[in-house]
């Protein structure tokens, strides 16, 4: 196979590959990762750049299987997640986190999660640093860890990335005062879409590290997260002024709406405990706090109706009520059980 350079449209990618091939006409894996670095240098990974790298991966006779796999995984996941918008690293924090990921992708070595692929994990992390809204628990019962990691990926992407890399390469991680060391059964599980490998690595490890009796070792495992546990996570990694009100069976009052809205407008991360009946047509006959979401708008109270937007299940614009209209205040309060607030660092 040979590359038809006329099909490589991006001048940036053509130049990066030309540099990589200039010494020995071979593409080492480090050189291929450097091509990815060149594409990320301006903070924008375009569809054209991703397609051009995949074109080289498919047609170069000098690229290694590892490097080919990396570029094709990038193409596949960028296409699969295209509905989330462009892949942009607009802040210095994001760009530093992206460099940590590139260094991770350069390395090899035995993973502590043998069923997770380094290339897939690295690209997963890259996409989530660009847009944390991609984080997806799928069918896994880890809504608490996901709400925490979603906040961390926004507020300190390098911390989020280093946490994931340490887990993959060392089997344990430390964030500030928070120690995470998942069990062997958790580390040996292979997650499947829609939960990405990066989300199992981070979210399941965090959930499993809080186990008391049973391991969290598959997406079918269950074990709810308390706000006490989550408050401990937020405090130990560096969030300030962490506070919560939580109850699994007693719902909140209308007065709590004003409290939550003030925190939200002051820039705090706000997490809500709700019953999932607020999000979907009722399938759960229980009246308890069985799901955790991240608030992404003030709770709009008008008369005796409310409307709000949350992040859950990789959907940042998920509205309550589901149809985007308004919900009777009593119906909302009946299924809202708690809130947690934390000031980003």
Protein backbone atom coordinates (compact mmCIF):
# COMPACT_ATOMS: atom_id res chain seq x y z
CA UNK A 1 0.00 0.00 0.00
CA UNK A 2 1.09 3.56 -0.61
CA UNK A 3 -0.32 6.88 0.44
CA UNK A 4 -2.04 9.07 -2.13
CA UNK A 5 -0.99 12.42 -0.69
CA UNK A 6 -3.56 14.20 -2.87
CA UNK A 7 -6.19 12.67 -0.56
CA UNK A 8 -4.53 14.21 2.52
CA UNK A 9 -6.17 17.64 2.49
CA UNK A 10 -4.80 19.23 5.67
CA UNK A 11 -1.50 21.04 5.13
CA UNK A 12 -0.78 20.60 8.84
CA UNK A 13 -1.10 16.81 8.64
CA UNK A 14 0.89 16.56 5.39
CA UNK A 15 3.71 18.56 6.95
CA UNK A 16 3.68 16.53 10.17
CA UNK A 17 3.89 13.22 8.30
CA UNK A 18 6.56 14.63 5.98
CA UNK A 19 8.66 15.48 9.02
CA UNK A 20 8.07 12.04 10.53
CA UNK A 21 9.15 10.28 7.31
CA UNK A 22 12.15 12.51 6.56
CA UNK A 23 14.74 10.49 8.50
CA UNK A 24 14.25 6.83 7.59
CA UNK A 25 10.97 6.70 5.66
CA UNK A 26 9.42 4.80 8.56
CA UNK A 27 6.77 5.87 11.00
CA UNK A 28 7.65 5.01 14.59
CA UNK A 29 4.83 5.08 17.11
CA UNK A 30 6.33 8.13 18.81
CA UNK A 31 6.40 9.89 15.45
CA UNK A 32 2.74 9.06 14.84
CA UNK A 33 1.78 10.43 18.26
CA UNK A 34 3.76 13.55 17.34
CA UNK A 35 1.55 13.91 14.28
CA UNK A 36 -1.42 13.88 16.65
CA UNK A 37 0.35 16.51 18.76
CA UNK A 38 0.77 18.67 15.66
CA UNK A 39 -2.95 18.37 14.96
CA UNK A 40 -3.75 19.41 18.54
CA UNK A 41 -1.28 22.31 18.62
CA UNK A 42 -3.84 24.94 17.61
CA UNK A 43 -6.41 23.63 20.11
CA UNK A 44 -8.76 22.32 17.42
CA UNK A 45 -8.86 18.79 16.07
CA UNK A 46 -10.81 19.14 12.84
CA UNK A 47 -12.78 16.47 10.99
CA UNK A 48 -10.39 16.93 8.07
CA UNK A 49 -7.33 16.30 10.24
CA UNK A 50 -8.90 13.19 11.78
CA UNK A 51 -9.85 11.84 8.32
CA UNK A 52 -6.39 12.58 6.94
CA UNK A 53 -4.68 10.69 9.75
CA UNK A 54 -7.02 7.74 9.15
CA UNK A 55 -6.22 7.87 5.42
CA UNK A 56 -2.51 7.51 6.19
CA UNK A 57 -3.22 4.74 8.70
CA UNK A 58 -5.13 2.72 6.12
CA UNK A 59 -2.63 3.15 3.28
CA UNK A 60 0.87 3.55 4.71
CA UNK A 61 3.19 0.59 4.31
CA UNK A 62 5.48 1.91 7.02
CA UNK A 63 3.06 2.37 9.92
CA UNK A 64 2.99 -0.12 12.80
CA UNK A 65 -0.18 -2.00 13.81
CA UNK A 66 -0.20 -0.11 17.12
CA UNK A 67 -0.06 3.27 15.37
CA UNK A 68 -2.59 2.26 12.74
CA UNK A 69 -4.97 1.15 15.46
CA UNK A 70 -4.57 4.46 17.31
CA UNK A 71 -5.46 6.58 14.29
CA UNK A 72 -8.39 4.38 13.28
CA UNK A 73 -9.75 4.41 16.85
CA UNK A 74 -9.50 8.20 16.75
CA UNK A 75 -11.45 8.28 13.48
CA UNK A 76 -14.11 5.89 14.76
CA UNK A 77 -14.72 7.63 18.08
CA UNK A 78 -14.59 11.15 16.60
CA UNK A 79 -17.25 10.10 14.09
CA UNK A 80 -19.35 8.25 16.67
CA UNK A 81 -19.33 11.28 18.98
CA UNK A 82 -19.69 13.96 16.31
CA UNK A 83 -23.09 15.01 17.65
CA UNK A 84 -21.29 16.61 20.61
CA UNK A 85 -19.75 19.22 18.33
CA UNK A 86 -16.17 20.14 17.40
CA UNK A 87 -13.18 18.76 19.30
CA UNK A 88 -11.76 21.91 20.88
CA UNK A 89 -9.15 22.44 23.59
CA UNK A 90 -9.68 26.12 24.29
CA UNK A 91 -8.02 26.51 27.70
CA UNK A 92 -4.46 26.03 28.88
CA UNK A 93 -5.76 23.43 31.34
CA UNK A 94 -7.26 21.40 28.50
CA UNK A 95 -4.11 21.69 26.38
CA UNK A 96 -1.93 20.50 29.25
CA UNK A 97 -4.27 17.55 29.83
CA UNK A 98 -4.11 16.71 26.11
CA UNK A 99 -0.29 16.62 26.32
CA UNK A 100 -0.51 14.19 29.26
CA UNK A 101 -2.71 11.97 27.10
CA UNK A 102 -0.26 12.09 24.18
CA UNK A 103 2.57 11.03 26.50
CA UNK A 104 0.35 8.17 27.74
CA UNK A 105 -0.33 7.09 24.14
CA UNK A 106 3.42 7.01 23.41
CA UNK A 107 4.08 4.47 26.12
CA UNK A 108 3.51 0.75 26.22
CA UNK A 109 3.70 -1.69 29.09
CA UNK A 110 1.41 -4.03 30.96
CA UNK A 111 -1.86 -2.41 31.94
CA UNK A 112 -3.49 -3.06 35.30
CA UNK A 113 -6.80 -3.23 33.40
CA UNK A 114 -5.92 -6.06 30.97
CA UNK A 115 -9.21 -5.88 29.06
CA UNK A 116 -8.95 -2.15 28.37
CA UNK A 117 -6.95 -0.96 25.36
CA UNK A 118 -4.42 1.87 25.80
CA UNK A 119 -5.36 3.52 22.49
CA UNK A 120 -9.08 3.38 23.20
CA UNK A 121 -8.62 4.69 26.75
CA UNK A 122 -6.36 7.50 25.52
CA UNK A 123 -8.76 8.64 22.80
CA UNK A 124 -11.68 8.34 25.24
CA UNK A 125 -9.86 10.68 27.62
CA UNK A 126 -8.97 13.08 24.80
CA UNK A 127 -12.60 13.38 23.74
CA UNK A 128 -13.78 13.88 27.32
CA UNK A 129 -11.20 16.58 28.05
CA UNK A 130 -12.47 18.42 24.97
CA UNK A 131 -16.08 17.88 26.07
CA UNK A 132 -16.89 16.28 29.45
CA UNK A 133 -20.53 15.97 28.36
CA UNK A 134 -19.43 12.79 26.57
CA UNK A 135 -18.88 10.95 29.88
CA UNK A 136 -21.44 8.15 29.87
CA UNK A 137 -22.30 5.61 32.55
CA UNK A 138 -24.42 3.60 30.12
CA UNK A 139 -26.32 0.99 32.11
CA UNK A 140 -23.79 1.04 34.93
CA UNK A 141 -25.04 2.07 38.35
CA UNK A 142 -22.37 4.73 38.84
CA UNK A 143 -24.33 7.98 38.56
CA UNK A 144 -22.60 9.36 41.68
CA UNK A 145 -19.03 8.77 40.44
CA UNK A 146 -20.00 10.09 36.99
CA UNK A 147 -21.38 13.31 38.49
CA UNK A 148 -18.12 13.78 40.40
CA UNK A 149 -15.88 12.97 37.41
CA UNK A 150 -17.94 15.20 35.12
CA UNK A 151 -17.28 18.11 37.48
CA UNK A 152 -13.59 17.23 37.83
CA UNK A 153 -13.09 16.97 34.05
CA UNK A 154 -14.46 20.51 33.65
CA UNK A 155 -12.67 22.08 36.61
CA UNK A 156 -9.29 20.32 36.50
CA UNK A 157 -8.90 18.25 33.31
CA UNK A 158 -5.27 17.39 34.06
CA UNK A 159 -6.25 15.97 37.46
CA UNK A 160 -8.97 13.91 35.78
CA UNK A 161 -6.51 12.61 33.17
CA UNK A 162 -3.72 11.83 35.61
CA UNK A 163 -6.21 9.93 37.77
CA UNK A 164 -7.15 7.75 34.78
CA UNK A 165 -3.57 7.21 33.63
CA UNK A 166 -2.38 6.19 37.09
CA UNK A 167 -5.21 3.69 37.36
CA UNK A 168 -4.36 2.16 34.00
CA UNK A 169 -0.61 2.02 34.54
CA UNK A 170 -0.35 1.49 38.30
CA UNK A 171 -3.68 -0.04 39.31
CA UNK A 172 -4.28 2.73 41.83
CA UNK A 173 -4.40 6.51 41.97
CA UNK A 174 -4.30 9.39 44.41
CA UNK A 175 -6.00 12.76 43.91
CA UNK A 176 -5.14 15.10 46.74
CA UNK A 177 -6.23 13.17 49.80
CA UNK A 178 -8.40 10.72 47.86
CA UNK A 179 -6.95 7.22 47.39
CA UNK A 180 -8.48 4.90 44.80
CA UNK A 181 -7.49 1.26 44.42
CA UNK A 182 -10.06 -0.94 42.65
CA UNK A 183 -10.31 -4.66 43.22
CA UNK A 184 -8.90 -7.24 40.78
CA UNK A 185 -12.43 -8.18 39.68
CA UNK A 186 -13.17 -4.54 38.77
CA UNK A 187 -9.86 -4.25 36.90
CA UNK A 188 -10.49 -7.41 34.91
CA UNK A 189 -13.93 -6.43 33.60
CA UNK A 190 -14.38 -5.35 29.96
CA UNK A 191 -16.95 -2.59 29.53
CA UNK A 192 -19.07 -2.29 26.38
CA UNK A 193 -20.74 0.66 24.60
CA UNK A 194 -22.36 2.99 25.35
CA UNK A 195 -20.04 3.07 28.36
CA UNK A 196 -16.59 3.94 27.09
CA UNK A 197 -13.48 2.20 28.36
CA UNK A 198 -12.29 5.49 29.88
CA UNK A 199 -15.55 5.80 31.80
CA UNK A 200 -15.31 2.27 33.21
CA UNK A 201 -11.67 2.86 34.15
CA UNK A 202 -12.47 6.01 36.13
CA UNK A 203 -16.07 5.67 37.27
CA UNK A 204 -16.08 1.99 38.17
CA UNK A 205 -12.73 2.29 39.96
CA UNK A 206 -14.05 5.11 42.10
CA UNK A 207 -17.26 3.22 42.91
CA UNK A 208 -15.40 -0.02 43.62
CA UNK A 209 -12.94 1.69 45.96
CA UNK A 210 -15.86 2.58 48.23
CA UNK A 211 -17.08 -1.03 48.39
CA UNK A 212 -17.89 -2.45 51.78
CA UNK A 213 -18.96 -6.00 50.97
CA UNK A 214 -19.37 -6.54 47.22
CA UNK A 215 -17.03 -5.59 44.41
CA UNK A 216 -18.23 -3.35 41.62
CA UNK A 217 -17.18 -5.73 38.85
CA UNK A 218 -19.71 -5.36 36.03
CA UNK A 219 -22.24 -2.86 34.68
CA UNK A 220 -24.94 -5.02 36.26
CA UNK A 221 -23.55 -4.54 39.76
CA UNK A 222 -25.48 -2.17 41.97
CA UNK A 223 -24.56 -0.07 44.94
CA UNK A 224 -25.74 3.49 45.40
CA UNK A 225 -23.53 6.42 46.29
CA UNK A 226 -24.33 8.56 49.31
CA UNK A 227 -23.81 12.31 49.29
CA UNK A 228 -21.61 11.80 52.32
CA UNK A 229 -19.25 9.74 50.16
CA UNK A 230 -19.42 12.29 47.34
CA UNK A 231 -18.78 15.21 49.70
CA UNK A 232 -15.68 13.38 50.88
CA UNK A 233 -14.48 13.00 47.27
CA UNK A 234 -15.02 16.67 46.46
CA UNK A 235 -13.29 17.84 49.64
CA UNK A 236 -10.29 15.54 49.30
CA UNK A 237 -9.50 16.58 45.72
CA UNK A 238 -9.60 20.28 46.57
CA UNK A 239 -13.13 21.65 46.21
CA UNK A 240 -14.08 24.20 48.86
CA UNK A 241 -17.23 24.97 50.83
CA UNK A 242 -18.71 21.51 50.22
CA UNK A 243 -22.15 21.03 51.72
CA UNK A 244 -25.11 18.75 51.18
CA UNK A 245 -28.64 17.94 52.23
CA UNK A 246 -29.65 14.40 51.41
CA UNK A 247 -32.41 11.93 52.11
CA UNK A 248 -33.35 8.78 50.24
CA UNK A 249 -37.04 8.87 51.16
CA UNK A 250 -38.02 12.40 52.26
CA UNK A 251 -38.32 14.90 49.44
CA UNK A 252 -37.24 18.56 49.44
CA UNK A 253 -39.29 21.70 50.00
CA UNK A 254 -39.83 24.71 47.73
CA UNK A 255 -37.45 26.75 49.94
CA UNK A 256 -34.55 24.59 48.76
CA UNK A 257 -34.95 25.89 45.20
CA UNK A 258 -33.75 29.36 46.19
CA UNK A 259 -30.81 27.87 48.11
CA UNK A 260 -29.70 25.74 45.17
CA UNK A 261 -30.14 28.56 42.66
CA UNK A 262 -27.92 30.89 44.68
CA UNK A 263 -25.13 28.32 44.79
CA UNK A 264 -25.48 27.68 41.06
CA UNK A 265 -25.30 31.38 40.18
CA UNK A 266 -22.26 31.77 42.45
CA UNK A 267 -20.36 29.25 40.31
CA UNK A 268 -20.66 26.15 42.48
CA UNK A 269 -21.04 22.66 41.12
CA UNK A 270 -24.53 21.51 42.09
CA UNK A 271 -25.54 17.85 42.19
CA UNK A 272 -29.12 16.72 42.75
CA UNK A 273 -30.53 13.44 44.05
CA UNK A 274 -33.80 12.68 42.31
CA UNK A 275 -36.06 9.80 41.41
CA UNK A 276 -35.56 8.78 37.78
CA UNK A 277 -39.30 9.25 37.22
CA UNK A 278 -38.44 12.92 36.66
CA UNK A 279 -36.43 11.99 33.56
CA UNK A 280 -38.40 9.25 31.84
CA UNK A 281 -41.90 7.92 31.66
CA UNK A 282 -42.43 6.27 35.04
CA UNK A 283 -41.05 2.74 35.08
CA UNK A 284 -39.97 2.76 38.71
CA UNK A 285 -42.87 2.52 41.11
CA UNK A 286 -40.69 3.51 44.05
CA UNK A 287 -40.67 6.90 45.72
CA UNK A 288 -37.04 7.29 46.70
CA UNK A 289 -33.88 9.03 45.57
CA UNK A 290 -32.47 6.52 43.10
CA UNK A 291 -30.53 8.71 40.67
CA UNK A 292 -27.93 11.52 40.75
CA UNK A 293 -27.67 14.31 38.16
CA UNK A 294 -25.65 17.50 37.74
CA UNK A 295 -27.61 20.75 37.57
CA UNK A 296 -26.86 22.72 34.37
CA UNK A 297 -29.28 25.61 34.78
CA UNK A 298 -31.01 27.40 37.62
CA UNK A 299 -34.27 25.77 38.65
CA UNK A 300 -36.73 28.04 36.87
CA UNK A 301 -39.67 28.51 39.23
CA UNK A 302 -42.63 30.36 37.79
CA UNK A 303 -45.86 30.34 39.70
CA UNK A 304 -46.48 26.74 40.61
CA UNK A 305 -44.41 25.22 37.80
CA UNK A 306 -40.69 24.50 37.29
CA UNK A 307 -38.25 23.74 34.52
CA UNK A 308 -34.55 22.85 34.72
CA UNK A 309 -31.70 21.36 32.70
CA UNK A 310 -29.37 18.65 33.97
CA UNK A 311 -26.48 16.44 32.86
CA UNK A 312 -27.12 12.71 32.98
CA UNK A 313 -26.48 9.70 30.74
CA UNK A 314 -24.12 11.79 28.52
CA UNK A 315 -26.87 14.32 27.86
CA UNK A 316 -26.00 17.83 29.02
CA UNK A 317 -29.23 19.39 27.82
CA UNK A 318 -31.60 16.91 29.41
CA UNK A 319 -34.65 18.86 30.51
CA UNK A 320 -37.02 18.27 33.36
CA UNK A 321 -39.74 17.74 32.29
CA UNK A 322 -38.64 15.56 29.40
CA UNK A 323 -40.73 17.40 26.79
CA UNK A 324 -39.00 20.72 27.54
CA UNK A 325 -42.17 22.30 28.87
CA UNK A 326 -42.97 22.96 32.51
CA UNK A 327 -43.72 20.63 35.41
CA UNK A 328 -46.07 21.21 38.32
CA UNK A 329 -44.02 22.26 41.33
CA UNK A 330 -45.53 19.53 43.50
CA UNK A 331 -44.55 16.81 41.04
CA UNK A 332 -40.95 18.03 40.99
CA UNK A 333 -40.62 18.34 44.75
CA UNK A 334 -42.15 14.90 45.26
CA UNK A 335 -39.20 13.35 43.40
CA UNK A 336 -36.33 15.62 44.50
CA UNK A 337 -34.50 14.27 47.56
CA UNK A 338 -31.26 16.14 48.02
CA UNK A 339 -28.49 18.39 46.76
CA UNK A 340 -24.72 18.69 47.08
CA UNK A 341 -22.73 21.85 46.37
CA UNK A 342 -18.98 22.35 45.93
CA UNK A 343 -16.89 25.39 44.96
CA UNK A 344 -14.39 24.56 42.16
CA UNK A 345 -10.69 24.97 42.77
